[in-house]
Amino acid sequence: MAPANLRPIPPVPGPAGGRVGVRPGERPRGPDIADWRPEDEQFWAHTGKRIANRNLWISIPSLLCGFAVWLMWGIITVQMANAGFPFTPDQLFSIAAISGLSGATLRIPASFFIRICGGRNTVWLTTALLMIPALGTGIALQDKNTPLWVFQLMALLSGIGGGNFACSMANISTFFPKRLQGTALGLNAGLGNFGVTTSQILIPAVMTLGLFGAIGGDAIPLAKDSATLIGKIAAGTPTYVQNAGFLWLLLLVPLAVVGWFGLNNLKVVSPNIGSNGAAMGRILLMYGIALAVSGIGLYLYLPAPTGSGLLAGNGMWIVLPLVIFGTLFALKAVATGEMKTNLNKQFGIFGNKHTWSMTALYVVTFGSFIGFSMALPLSITVIFGNTHTFDAAANAWVHAKNPNAPSALMFAWIGPFVGALIRPLGGWISDKLGGSIVTQVISVVLVGASAVTGYVMHLAYQSATPESYFLAFMLLFILLFAASGIGNGSTFRTVGFVFDQDQRGPVLGWTSAVAAYGSFIAPVVIGGQIKAGTPENAMYGFAVFYAACLVLNWWFYLRKNAYIKNP
């Protein structure tokens, strides 16, 4: 059973003016914990460690499912095209773009959930809500005549999985002592990030099987060749595209049961959450606001018939700040009473200069990881899926189907897998050496690897045999993922030391929210530069950004008179 308030013994101050205590080794009862002192070594050894670890190991698979549902559209849209769904490439792109934008935007309110709603209430509900897009997507994929707006709506709701990261990390940060922050957050985020790889591997595989029998719907023959991790699948093969949604219910249903009985609210962190129903009502309200603002932003950005197209193309750089700050202002406008008081307290993070420095540094690490995860399949398909020859007479490049093209579905999973696998190592190393020095080293790697990757992309995109550059391309991207994965752990270690307990959770959520827009930005930027015939410029631009953040990290945390030395 999950732990709770303990019988009073020698008293210690309670969160609401009362006094509660803890007897070392005493087994608690119920979901709420009133006394929590992870920095007290005796308390940690006898009581805290067991409780914290249980919450961590329930949080990890919940977060994995969140990532998987959020990013499943990158693979689903490829298979929709292969199965002959009647949508243009631009329309399919809009589906993936919607999930990227909504997932990042939902992280903004999610970063504030733990204090005002409680960790157990938040993690349980936000994980259970994933059943809606999972089930809805499965039903929609059963019929090729399903309207585009249905898929776009499901993609919007899939953003709930993106929002999960902010509240999950904010929650876990409250359970562990400072000396273990890097390791605990690295495990939660790193193993949770495996949701990206899990969706990229499992979805193509389960589409070949009638896992759900008659209730899963009929198979749809492939109109084009497809592939799984182990090989290609010929056109005409019956495929169960709908399994891409139904699959996650096999994990989400048992997780809902385990989370309800195994997770905890820490009353010292969330002292005034009220009843479970009231707390969950706040979550639904705030998520609803963020989804509505995302919808408005997408309407301005997407072309007709779904949107107005008013800010299409480069208007992305206008849409993003509009959505970010529109969400913040909308949340403050609807908040009342205790909710408003708590939000105002947590909005105090924006007056701390370290909030902004860590936001930029987390864009370098997680923004790169999630952005490249979304952009890599597209890059493989377009750059290596065609041959590129220059027609001197027409003074133009001619692109034709490449018979030796590598399959994106066979290789795209490798980079995210490496990045997620190595993330806990980044947290562990940072616990030993300090977070900022590790961030500095990986920033140097990202600058060099991005520049070289850009050059290789340039060579491949002007080659009649682009596949000859594919090995170098993949190795460089694996290096980019590895560096960003290590940096994910190091930046969270730094946040754990720079901010106190009241601000740590909201800052973790805010920085992850802004960085998550990489899932929207990277595919658009790289795709736009590929369309312009200069894919290398996207990577060169990323290298310049990494170099600027390298200087920022040195100024704030590594120079002789740094604000905080190598936290």
Protein backbone atom coordinates (compact mmCIF):
# COMPACT_ATOMS: atom_id res chain seq x y z
CA MET A 1 0.00 0.00 0.00
CA ALA A 2 1.08 3.60 -0.55
CA PRO A 3 2.46 5.53 2.42
CA ALA A 4 0.62 8.25 4.31
CA ASN A 5 0.57 10.37 7.45
CA LEU A 6 2.34 8.70 10.34
CA ARG A 7 1.37 8.41 14.02
CA PRO A 8 2.63 11.43 15.95
CA ILE A 9 5.73 10.90 18.05
CA PRO A 10 8.35 13.50 19.02
CA PRO A 11 6.72 16.31 17.01
CA VAL A 12 8.06 18.23 14.03
CA PRO A 13 6.36 21.15 12.31
CA GLY A 14 3.65 20.12 9.89
CA PRO A 15 2.89 21.87 6.60
CA ALA A 16 -0.31 23.53 7.76
CA GLY A 17 0.63 24.56 11.29
CA GLY A 18 -0.06 21.13 12.82
CA ARG A 19 2.62 18.78 14.07
CA VAL A 20 3.32 15.35 12.78
CA GLY A 21 6.22 13.00 13.22
CA VAL A 22 7.77 9.83 11.94
CA ARG A 23 9.08 6.78 13.67
CA PRO A 24 12.07 5.29 11.77
CA GLY A 25 11.03 2.17 9.93
CA GLU A 26 7.31 2.60 10.75
CA ARG A 27 5.08 1.45 7.87
CA PRO A 28 2.78 4.29 6.75
CA ARG A 29 -0.77 3.99 5.45
CA GLY A 30 -2.74 5.91 2.78
CA PRO A 31 -1.68 8.04 -0.19
CA ASP A 32 -0.66 11.32 1.54
CA ILE A 33 2.65 11.92 3.30
CA ALA A 34 2.78 14.86 5.71
CA ASP A 35 6.40 14.55 6.90
CA TRP A 36 9.08 14.39 4.24
CA ARG A 37 12.78 15.09 4.92
CA PRO A 38 14.96 13.55 2.18
CA GLU A 39 18.05 15.49 3.30
CA ASP A 40 17.81 13.86 6.76
CA GLU A 41 20.04 10.80 6.33
CA GLN A 42 18.28 8.75 9.03
CA PHE A 43 14.84 9.51 7.64
CA TRP A 44 16.05 8.73 4.12
CA ALA A 45 17.58 5.38 5.08
CA HIS A 46 14.64 4.14 7.17
CA THR A 47 11.64 5.56 5.31
CA GLY A 48 12.32 7.96 2.46
CA LYS A 49 14.39 5.80 0.12
CA ARG A 50 11.77 3.05 -0.15
CA ILE A 51 8.93 5.50 -0.81
CA ALA A 52 10.91 7.59 -3.30
CA ASN A 53 12.04 4.57 -5.28
CA ARG A 54 8.53 3.17 -5.53
CA ASN A 55 7.23 6.46 -6.90
CA LEU A 56 10.16 6.62 -9.32
CA TRP A 57 9.55 3.13 -10.74
CA ILE A 58 5.86 3.83 -11.26
CA SER A 59 6.68 7.19 -12.82
CA ILE A 60 9.13 5.77 -15.38
CA PRO A 61 6.72 3.53 -17.38
CA SER A 62 4.04 6.21 -17.10
CA LEU A 63 6.39 8.74 -18.67
CA LEU A 64 7.47 6.20 -21.30
CA CYS A 65 3.84 5.85 -22.39
CA GLY A 66 3.52 9.62 -22.45
CA PHE A 67 6.43 9.97 -24.87
CA ALA A 68 5.20 7.08 -26.99
CA VAL A 69 1.66 8.46 -27.42
CA TRP A 70 2.94 12.00 -27.99
CA LEU A 71 5.43 11.07 -30.71
CA MET A 72 3.62 8.15 -32.30
CA TRP A 73 2.44 10.34 -35.18
CA GLY A 74 5.90 10.53 -36.74
CA ILE A 75 5.60 6.81 -37.51
CA ILE A 76 1.82 6.61 -37.94
CA THR A 77 1.79 9.22 -40.70
CA VAL A 78 4.44 7.31 -42.64
CA GLN A 79 2.31 4.18 -42.46
CA MET A 80 -0.86 6.11 -43.31
CA ALA A 81 0.83 7.18 -46.55
CA ASN A 82 1.98 3.60 -47.20
CA ALA A 83 -1.54 2.28 -46.58
CA GLY A 84 -3.10 4.74 -49.02
CA PHE A 85 -4.92 7.15 -46.72
CA PRO A 86 -6.07 10.01 -49.02
CA PHE A 87 -4.01 12.81 -47.52
CA THR A 88 -1.27 14.95 -49.07
CA PRO A 89 2.22 15.08 -47.53
CA ASP A 90 1.46 18.57 -46.21
CA GLN A 91 -1.68 17.31 -44.48
CA LEU A 92 0.21 14.42 -42.93
CA PHE A 93 2.88 16.84 -41.77
CA SER A 94 0.19 18.96 -40.13
CA ILE A 95 -0.79 16.00 -37.95
CA ALA A 96 2.74 15.55 -36.60
CA ALA A 97 3.14 19.32 -36.19
CA ILE A 98 -0.03 19.54 -34.13
CA SER A 99 1.12 16.88 -31.67
CA GLY A 100 4.50 18.61 -31.33
CA LEU A 101 3.02 22.03 -30.61
CA SER A 102 0.31 20.85 -28.22
CA GLY A 103 2.70 18.59 -26.31
CA ALA A 104 5.08 21.46 -25.69
CA THR A 105 2.29 23.87 -24.75
CA LEU A 106 0.70 21.46 -22.27
CA ARG A 107 4.00 21.33 -20.43
CA ILE A 108 3.45 24.93 -19.35
CA PRO A 109 0.47 24.24 -17.05
CA ALA A 110 1.87 20.80 -16.20
CA SER A 111 4.93 22.46 -14.66
CA PHE A 112 2.66 23.94 -11.96
CA PHE A 113 0.48 20.89 -11.24
CA ILE A 114 2.51 19.25 -8.47
CA ARG A 115 2.24 22.06 -5.93
CA ILE A 116 -1.43 22.87 -6.52
CA CYS A 117 -2.76 19.39 -7.33
CA GLY A 118 -0.39 16.86 -5.68
CA GLY A 119 2.04 14.40 -7.27
CA ARG A 120 -0.17 11.32 -7.06
CA ASN A 121 -3.23 13.08 -8.42
CA THR A 122 -1.26 14.64 -11.26
CA VAL A 123 0.78 11.66 -12.46
CA TRP A 124 -2.18 9.29 -12.21
CA LEU A 125 -4.66 11.50 -14.07
CA THR A 126 -2.30 12.70 -16.81
CA THR A 127 -1.29 9.10 -17.50
CA ALA A 128 -4.90 7.84 -17.51
CA LEU A 129 -5.91 10.62 -19.93
CA LEU A 130 -3.58 9.09 -22.53
CA MET A 131 -6.22 6.41 -23.06
CA ILE A 132 -8.36 8.98 -24.92
CA PRO A 133 -5.98 9.66 -27.85
CA ALA A 134 -4.82 6.03 -27.86
CA LEU A 135 -8.35 4.66 -28.21
CA GLY A 136 -9.49 7.45 -30.52
CA THR A 137 -6.51 7.01 -32.82
CA GLY A 138 -7.11 3.27 -33.07
CA ILE A 139 -10.76 3.80 -34.01
CA ALA A 140 -9.91 6.53 -36.54
CA LEU A 141 -7.29 4.37 -38.27
CA GLN A 142 -9.78 1.56 -38.89
CA ASP A 143 -11.22 3.45 -41.85
CA LYS A 144 -9.32 5.21 -44.65
CA ASN A 145 -12.31 7.54 -45.11
CA THR A 146 -11.95 9.07 -41.64
CA PRO A 147 -11.81 12.87 -42.10
CA LEU A 148 -8.51 14.73 -41.65
CA TRP A 149 -9.86 16.80 -38.76
CA VAL A 150 -10.37 13.66 -36.67
CA PHE A 151 -6.68 12.77 -36.94
CA GLN A 152 -5.72 16.36 -36.20
CA LEU A 153 -7.91 16.30 -33.09
CA MET A 154 -6.30 13.06 -31.93
CA ALA A 155 -2.86 14.57 -32.52
CA LEU A 156 -3.86 17.59 -30.44
CA LEU A 157 -4.94 15.31 -27.58
CA SER A 158 -1.76 13.27 -27.95
CA GLY A 159 0.00 16.35 -26.65
CA ILE A 160 -1.12 15.20 -23.19
CA GLY A 161 1.80 12.78 -23.41
CA GLY A 162 4.19 15.65 -24.02
CA GLY A 163 2.82 17.52 -21.03
CA ASN A 164 3.45 14.48 -18.81
CA PHE A 165 7.19 15.09 -18.79
CA ALA A 166 6.95 18.42 -16.98
CA CYS A 167 4.82 17.17 -14.11
CA SER A 168 6.65 13.85 -13.89
CA MET A 169 10.07 15.47 -13.51
CA ALA A 170 8.75 18.12 -11.13
CA ASN A 171 7.25 15.34 -9.00
CA ILE A 172 10.31 13.10 -8.84
CA SER A 173 12.56 16.05 -7.98
CA THR A 174 10.65 16.46 -4.69
CA PHE A 175 11.25 12.89 -3.54
CA PHE A 176 15.04 12.68 -3.67
CA PRO A 177 17.87 14.44 -1.77
CA LYS A 178 20.08 16.87 -3.68
CA ARG A 179 22.99 14.44 -3.89
CA LEU A 180 20.79 12.01 -5.88
CA GLN A 181 18.90 14.52 -8.05
CA GLY A 182 21.01 13.91 -11.17
CA THR A 183 20.70 10.13 -10.96
CA ALA A 184 16.97 10.05 -10.11
CA LEU A 185 15.95 12.61 -12.71
CA GLY A 186 18.27 11.02 -15.25
CA LEU A 187 16.62 7.62 -14.73
CA ASN A 188 13.12 9.06 -14.91
CA ALA A 189 13.77 11.12 -18.01
CA GLY A 190 16.19 8.73 -19.69
CA LEU A 191 14.08 5.60 -19.35
CA GLY A 192 10.96 7.66 -20.00
CA ASN A 193 12.55 8.93 -23.21
CA PHE A 194 12.62 5.32 -24.40
CA GLY A 195 9.00 5.97 -25.31
CA VAL A 196 10.34 7.60 -28.49
CA THR A 197 12.27 4.47 -29.47
CA THR A 198 9.49 2.19 -28.24
CA SER A 199 6.95 3.79 -30.57
CA GLN A 200 9.37 3.78 -33.50
CA ILE A 201 10.06 0.06 -33.08
CA LEU A 202 6.74 -1.33 -31.86
CA ILE A 203 4.30 0.51 -34.11
CA PRO A 204 5.64 -0.87 -37.44
CA ALA A 205 5.87 -4.35 -35.87
CA VAL A 206 2.36 -4.54 -34.36
CA MET A 207 0.79 -3.28 -37.57
CA THR A 208 1.60 -6.63 -39.15
CA LEU A 209 -0.40 -8.61 -36.57
CA GLY A 210 -4.12 -8.97 -35.80
CA LEU A 211 -3.52 -8.53 -32.09
CA PHE A 212 -7.03 -7.49 -31.12
CA GLY A 213 -9.09 -9.86 -33.25
CA ALA A 214 -12.52 -8.73 -34.40
CA ILE A 215 -12.65 -5.73 -32.06
CA GLY A 216 -9.48 -4.38 -33.64
CA GLY A 217 -11.05 -4.01 -37.08
CA ASP A 218 -10.12 -5.31 -40.53
CA ALA A 219 -6.69 -5.19 -42.10
CA ILE A 220 -5.85 -2.59 -44.77
CA PRO A 221 -3.54 -3.68 -47.64
CA LEU A 222 -0.38 -1.61 -48.06
CA ALA A 223 -0.42 0.58 -51.15
CA LYS A 224 3.36 1.06 -50.97
CA ASP A 225 6.34 -0.86 -49.64
CA SER A 226 6.91 -0.40 -45.92
CA ALA A 227 9.36 -1.79 -43.36
CA THR A 228 9.94 -2.84 -39.77
CA LEU A 229 13.12 -3.00 -37.73
CA ILE A 230 14.10 -6.31 -39.30
CA GLY A 231 13.24 -5.75 -42.95
CA LYS A 232 10.98 -4.48 -45.69
CA ILE A 233 7.28 -5.29 -46.17
CA ALA A 234 5.96 -5.54 -49.69
CA ALA A 235 3.04 -3.54 -51.04
CA GLY A 236 -0.22 -5.45 -50.83
CA THR A 237 0.56 -6.93 -47.41
CA PRO A 238 -2.45 -6.70 -45.04
CA THR A 239 -1.65 -4.26 -42.24
CA TYR A 240 -3.44 -3.26 -39.04
CA VAL A 241 -2.59 0.44 -38.92
CA GLN A 242 -5.10 0.89 -36.08
CA ASN A 243 -2.91 -1.15 -33.74
CA ALA A 244 -0.70 1.94 -33.47
CA GLY A 245 -3.33 3.42 -31.14
CA PHE A 246 -4.82 0.35 -29.46
CA LEU A 247 -1.34 -0.93 -28.50
CA TRP A 248 -0.86 1.60 -25.71
CA LEU A 249 -4.03 0.57 -23.89
CA LEU A 250 -2.25 -2.68 -22.97
CA LEU A 251 0.14 -0.60 -20.86
CA LEU A 252 -2.05 2.32 -19.80
CA VAL A 253 -4.84 0.30 -18.17
CA PRO A 254 -2.61 -1.58 -15.71
CA LEU A 255 -0.55 1.56 -15.11
CA ALA A 256 -3.71 3.37 -14.04
CA VAL A 257 -4.33 0.70 -11.40
CA VAL A 258 -0.74 0.60 -10.15
CA GLY A 259 -0.44 4.38 -10.09
CA TRP A 260 -3.62 4.88 -8.10
CA PHE A 261 -2.50 2.54 -5.33
CA GLY A 262 1.26 3.13 -5.44
CA LEU A 263 1.86 6.87 -5.90
CA ASN A 264 1.93 9.52 -3.18
CA ASN A 265 1.14 13.18 -2.56
CA LEU A 266 3.78 14.98 -0.48
CA LYS A 267 1.88 17.40 1.76
CA VAL A 268 5.04 19.41 2.46
CA VAL A 269 5.17 20.17 -1.28
CA SER A 270 1.41 20.32 -1.94
CA PRO A 271 -0.11 21.53 1.36
CA ASN A 272 -3.48 22.81 0.11
CA ILE A 273 -4.62 20.52 -2.68
CA GLY A 274 -8.05 19.86 -1.15
CA SER A 275 -10.00 16.80 -2.27
CA ASN A 276 -8.81 14.50 -5.05
CA GLY A 277 -11.75 15.55 -7.22
CA ALA A 278 -11.01 19.27 -6.82
CA ALA A 279 -7.32 18.73 -7.59
CA MET A 280 -8.08 16.74 -10.73
CA GLY A 281 -10.62 19.36 -11.77
CA ARG A 282 -7.83 21.95 -11.75
CA ILE A 283 -5.72 19.72 -13.97
CA LEU A 284 -8.53 19.31 -16.49
CA LEU A 285 -9.24 23.05 -16.48
CA MET A 286 -5.61 24.05 -17.04
CA TYR A 287 -5.03 21.41 -19.70
CA GLY A 288 -8.23 22.54 -21.42
CA ILE A 289 -6.95 26.13 -21.52
CA ALA A 290 -3.60 25.06 -22.98
CA LEU A 291 -5.30 22.91 -25.63
CA ALA A 292 -7.57 25.81 -26.59
CA VAL A 293 -4.64 28.22 -26.95
CA SER A 294 -2.74 25.60 -28.97
CA GLY A 295 -5.77 25.25 -31.23
CA ILE A 296 -5.87 28.99 -31.85
CA GLY A 297 -2.16 29.09 -32.66
CA LEU A 298 -2.49 26.14 -35.02
CA TYR A 299 -5.47 27.76 -36.75
CA LEU A 300 -3.30 30.79 -37.47
CA TYR A 301 -0.43 28.63 -38.72
CA LEU A 302 -2.00 25.77 -40.65
CA PRO A 303 -3.26 26.26 -44.21
CA ALA A 304 -6.89 25.87 -45.29
CA PRO A 305 -9.16 24.01 -44.88
CA THR A 306 -8.03 23.31 -41.29
CA GLY A 307 -6.56 26.74 -40.58
CA SER A 308 -6.40 30.26 -41.90
CA GLY A 309 -2.77 30.10 -43.04
CA LEU A 310 -2.35 33.68 -41.80
CA LEU A 311 1.01 32.88 -40.17
CA ALA A 312 2.12 29.96 -42.35
CA GLY A 313 5.79 29.42 -43.18
CA ASN A 314 8.14 31.69 -41.21
CA GLY A 315 5.17 32.86 -39.14
CA MET A 316 6.09 29.91 -36.91
CA TRP A 317 8.41 32.29 -35.01
CA ILE A 318 5.38 34.49 -34.26
CA VAL A 319 3.02 31.63 -33.42
CA LEU A 320 5.32 30.08 -30.81
CA PRO A 321 5.65 33.11 -28.48
CA LEU A 322 1.94 33.86 -28.97
CA VAL A 323 1.04 30.37 -27.81
CA ILE A 324 3.55 30.34 -24.92
CA PHE A 325 2.61 33.69 -23.41
CA GLY A 326 -1.05 33.34 -24.35
CA THR A 327 -1.16 30.15 -22.28
CA LEU A 328 0.53 31.82 -19.31
CA PHE A 329 -1.82 34.81 -19.33
CA ALA A 330 -4.90 32.61 -19.80
CA LEU A 331 -3.93 30.49 -16.80
CA LYS A 332 -3.56 33.55 -14.60
CA ALA A 333 -6.85 35.00 -15.87
CA VAL A 334 -8.97 31.98 -14.84
CA ALA A 335 -7.21 31.22 -11.56
CA THR A 336 -9.04 32.14 -8.35
CA GLY A 337 -8.53 31.71 -4.62
CA GLU A 338 -5.85 29.29 -3.48
CA MET A 339 -5.10 28.28 -7.06
CA LYS A 340 -4.35 31.91 -7.96
CA THR A 341 -2.17 32.36 -4.88
CA ASN A 342 -0.12 29.26 -5.71
CA LEU A 343 0.22 30.23 -9.36
CA ASN A 344 1.43 33.71 -8.42
CA LYS A 345 4.05 32.16 -6.13
CA GLN A 346 5.23 29.84 -8.84
CA PHE A 347 5.28 32.59 -11.47
CA GLY A 348 8.08 34.01 -9.32
CA ILE A 349 10.47 31.80 -11.27
CA PHE A 350 10.33 34.30 -14.13
CA GLY A 351 12.05 36.92 -11.97
CA ASN A 352 15.04 34.62 -11.45
CA LYS A 353 17.77 35.05 -14.06
CA HIS A 354 18.76 31.41 -13.71
CA THR A 355 15.34 30.39 -15.03
CA TRP A 356 16.22 31.95 -18.36
CA SER A 357 19.79 30.65 -18.51
CA MET A 358 18.65 27.11 -17.75
CA THR A 359 15.82 27.40 -20.28
CA ALA A 360 18.35 28.15 -23.04
CA LEU A 361 20.65 25.34 -21.90
CA TYR A 362 17.82 22.83 -21.81
CA VAL A 363 16.83 23.79 -25.34
CA VAL A 364 20.39 22.78 -26.28
CA THR A 365 19.98 19.34 -24.74
CA PHE A 366 16.38 18.14 -24.66
CA GLY A 367 15.30 20.45 -27.49
CA SER A 368 17.95 18.83 -29.67
CA PHE A 369 16.98 15.31 -28.60
CA ILE A 370 13.27 15.69 -29.26
CA GLY A 371 13.70 17.84 -32.37
CA PHE A 372 16.13 15.46 -34.03
CA SER A 373 13.87 12.54 -33.07
CA MET A 374 11.10 14.11 -35.12
CA ALA A 375 13.31 15.31 -37.99
CA LEU A 376 15.56 12.29 -38.54
CA PRO A 377 13.00 10.10 -40.38
CA LEU A 378 12.19 13.00 -42.71
CA SER A 379 15.87 13.68 -43.36
CA ILE A 380 16.61 10.04 -44.18
CA THR A 381 13.60 9.77 -46.48
CA VAL A 382 14.20 12.95 -48.49
CA ILE A 383 17.99 13.14 -48.62
CA PHE A 384 18.76 9.46 -49.15
CA GLY A 385 15.48 8.30 -50.68
CA ASN A 386 16.28 10.08 -53.94
CA THR A 387 19.24 10.47 -56.23
CA HIS A 388 20.37 14.02 -56.92
CA THR A 389 21.87 15.00 -60.29
CA PHE A 390 22.43 18.43 -61.79
CA ASP A 391 20.89 19.09 -65.22
CA ALA A 392 23.24 21.61 -66.82
CA ALA A 393 20.84 22.34 -69.67
CA ALA A 394 17.98 23.19 -67.29
CA ASN A 395 20.39 24.62 -64.68
CA ALA A 396 18.52 22.72 -61.97
CA TRP A 397 18.86 19.70 -59.69
CA VAL A 398 16.86 16.62 -60.65
CA HIS A 399 15.70 14.28 -57.88
CA ALA A 400 14.65 10.72 -58.73
CA LYS A 401 13.77 7.64 -56.66
CA ASN A 402 16.87 5.95 -55.28
CA PRO A 403 16.70 2.15 -55.67
CA ASN A 404 19.41 1.78 -53.01
CA ALA A 405 17.75 4.04 -50.47
CA PRO A 406 17.95 3.08 -46.77
CA SER A 407 14.61 2.76 -44.96
CA ALA A 408 13.82 5.41 -42.38
CA LEU A 409 11.72 2.90 -40.42
CA MET A 410 14.73 0.59 -40.11
CA PHE A 411 17.24 3.20 -38.89
CA ALA A 412 15.46 6.22 -37.41
CA TRP A 413 15.08 4.57 -33.97
CA ILE A 414 18.83 4.21 -33.35
CA GLY A 415 19.58 7.84 -32.47
CA PRO A 416 16.73 8.29 -29.95
CA PHE A 417 17.60 4.90 -28.45
CA VAL A 418 21.20 5.97 -27.82
CA GLY A 419 20.13 9.35 -26.44
CA ALA A 420 17.67 7.82 -24.00
CA LEU A 421 20.03 5.01 -22.99
CA ILE A 422 22.86 7.36 -22.13
CA ARG A 423 20.80 9.97 -20.27
CA PRO A 424 21.05 8.32 -16.82
CA LEU A 425 24.83 8.20 -17.33
CA GLY A 426 24.80 11.95 -17.83
CA GLY A 427 23.03 12.40 -14.50
CA TRP A 428 25.45 10.05 -12.74
CA ILE A 429 28.56 11.76 -14.16
CA SER A 430 27.12 15.15 -13.25
CA ASP A 431 26.56 14.03 -9.66
CA LYS A 432 30.28 13.26 -9.55
CA LEU A 433 31.77 16.19 -11.51
CA GLY A 434 29.11 18.91 -11.44
CA GLY A 435 26.38 19.61 -13.96
CA SER A 436 27.73 22.70 -15.70
CA ILE A 437 31.13 21.26 -16.61
CA VAL A 438 29.40 18.30 -18.26
CA THR A 439 27.04 20.67 -20.10
CA GLN A 440 30.06 22.62 -21.35
CA VAL A 441 31.78 19.54 -22.76
CA ILE A 442 28.71 18.25 -24.58
CA SER A 443 28.04 21.74 -25.98
CA VAL A 444 31.46 21.68 -27.62
CA VAL A 445 30.62 18.28 -29.10
CA LEU A 446 27.27 19.53 -30.39
CA VAL A 447 28.88 22.54 -32.10
CA GLY A 448 31.39 20.37 -33.97
CA ALA A 449 29.05 17.48 -34.77
CA SER A 450 26.30 19.80 -36.07
CA ALA A 451 28.68 21.58 -38.41
CA VAL A 452 30.11 18.34 -39.78
CA THR A 453 26.62 16.81 -40.13
CA GLY A 454 25.59 19.82 -42.17
CA TYR A 455 28.53 19.31 -44.52
CA VAL A 456 27.70 15.61 -44.97
CA MET A 457 24.07 16.48 -45.69
CA HIS A 458 25.30 18.98 -48.29
CA LEU A 459 27.42 16.31 -49.99
CA ALA A 460 24.63 13.71 -49.97
CA TYR A 461 22.04 16.13 -51.31
CA GLN A 462 24.24 16.82 -54.32
CA SER A 463 25.14 13.22 -55.07
CA ALA A 464 23.84 10.66 -57.55
CA THR A 465 24.71 8.01 -54.93
CA PRO A 466 23.68 9.62 -51.62
CA GLU A 467 23.67 6.26 -49.86
CA SER A 468 27.46 6.36 -49.88
CA TYR A 469 27.25 9.10 -47.23
CA PHE A 470 24.62 7.38 -45.12
CA LEU A 471 27.00 5.68 -42.67
CA ALA A 472 28.75 8.96 -41.86
CA PHE A 473 25.39 10.69 -41.58
CA MET A 474 24.02 8.13 -39.11
CA LEU A 475 27.18 8.04 -36.99
CA LEU A 476 27.15 11.82 -36.69
CA PHE A 477 23.48 11.85 -35.71
CA ILE A 478 24.14 9.13 -33.12
CA LEU A 479 26.87 11.38 -31.70
CA LEU A 480 24.41 14.29 -31.60
CA PHE A 481 21.86 12.14 -29.76
CA ALA A 482 24.47 10.84 -27.32
CA ALA A 483 25.70 14.35 -26.49
CA SER A 484 22.17 15.70 -26.07
CA GLY A 485 21.25 12.69 -23.90
CA ILE A 486 24.18 13.25 -21.54
CA GLY A 487 23.36 16.95 -21.48
CA ASN A 488 19.77 16.22 -20.47
CA GLY A 489 21.05 14.66 -17.27
CA SER A 490 23.58 17.41 -16.59
CA THR A 491 21.13 20.30 -16.95
CA PHE A 492 18.65 18.69 -14.56
CA ARG A 493 21.44 18.20 -12.05
CA THR A 494 22.20 21.93 -12.32
CA VAL A 495 18.53 22.89 -11.83
CA GLY A 496 18.42 20.69 -8.73
CA PHE A 497 21.23 22.72 -7.13
CA VAL A 498 20.47 26.23 -8.37
CA PHE A 499 16.82 26.37 -7.26
CA ASP A 500 15.20 25.69 -3.89
CA GLN A 501 12.41 23.14 -3.44
CA ASP A 502 9.62 25.66 -4.07
CA GLN A 503 11.02 26.77 -7.43
CA ARG A 504 12.75 23.58 -8.56
CA GLY A 505 9.62 21.82 -9.80
CA PRO A 506 8.15 24.77 -11.73
CA VAL A 507 11.55 25.52 -13.28
CA LEU A 508 11.98 21.91 -14.37
CA GLY A 509 8.54 22.05 -15.96
CA TRP A 510 9.02 25.44 -17.61
CA THR A 511 12.42 24.64 -19.12
CA SER A 512 11.15 21.32 -20.43
CA ALA A 513 8.11 23.05 -21.93
CA VAL A 514 10.14 25.55 -23.93
CA ALA A 515 12.65 22.89 -25.00
CA ALA A 516 9.84 20.62 -26.19
CA TYR A 517 9.04 23.10 -28.95
CA GLY A 518 12.08 21.57 -30.61
CA SER A 519 9.68 18.84 -31.72
CA PHE A 520 7.92 21.49 -33.78
CA ILE A 521 10.87 23.69 -34.78
CA ALA A 522 13.46 21.15 -35.94
CA PRO A 523 11.30 19.34 -38.52
CA VAL A 524 10.03 22.66 -39.90
CA VAL A 525 13.50 24.21 -40.14
CA ILE A 526 15.23 21.14 -41.56
CA GLY A 527 12.32 20.38 -43.89
CA GLY A 528 12.26 23.97 -45.11
CA GLN A 529 15.98 23.99 -45.84
CA ILE A 530 15.74 20.64 -47.64
CA LYS A 531 12.97 22.08 -49.79
CA ALA A 532 15.22 25.06 -50.53
CA GLY A 533 18.05 22.69 -51.51
CA THR A 534 20.31 23.72 -48.62
CA PRO A 535 19.80 21.21 -45.77
CA GLU A 536 23.24 22.04 -44.40
CA ASN A 537 22.09 25.55 -43.41
CA ALA A 538 19.75 24.11 -40.78
CA MET A 539 22.59 22.26 -39.07
CA TYR A 540 24.95 25.24 -39.36
CA GLY A 541 22.30 27.38 -37.68
CA PHE A 542 21.98 24.87 -34.84
CA ALA A 543 25.78 24.93 -34.43
CA VAL A 544 25.73 28.71 -34.02
CA PHE A 545 23.01 28.44 -31.36
CA TYR A 546 25.00 25.78 -29.48
CA ALA A 547 28.10 27.99 -29.54
CA ALA A 548 26.14 30.91 -28.06
CA CYS A 549 24.79 28.70 -25.25
CA LEU A 550 28.30 27.39 -24.58
CA VAL A 551 29.34 30.96 -23.77
CA LEU A 552 26.18 31.44 -21.68
CA ASN A 553 26.92 28.35 -19.59
CA TRP A 554 30.51 29.49 -19.00
CA TRP A 555 29.40 32.99 -17.96
CA PHE A 556 26.77 31.85 -15.49
CA TYR A 557 28.38 28.76 -13.98
CA LEU A 558 32.05 28.18 -14.91
CA ARG A 559 34.02 31.45 -15.07
CA LYS A 560 36.08 32.63 -12.12
CA ASN A 561 33.37 34.86 -10.68
CA ALA A 562 30.38 32.78 -11.83
CA TYR A 563 27.01 33.37 -10.17
CA ILE A 564 27.05 29.75 -8.94
CA LYS A 565 30.18 27.68 -9.51
CA ASN A 566 29.64 24.41 -11.41
CA PRO A 567 26.40 23.37 -9.67
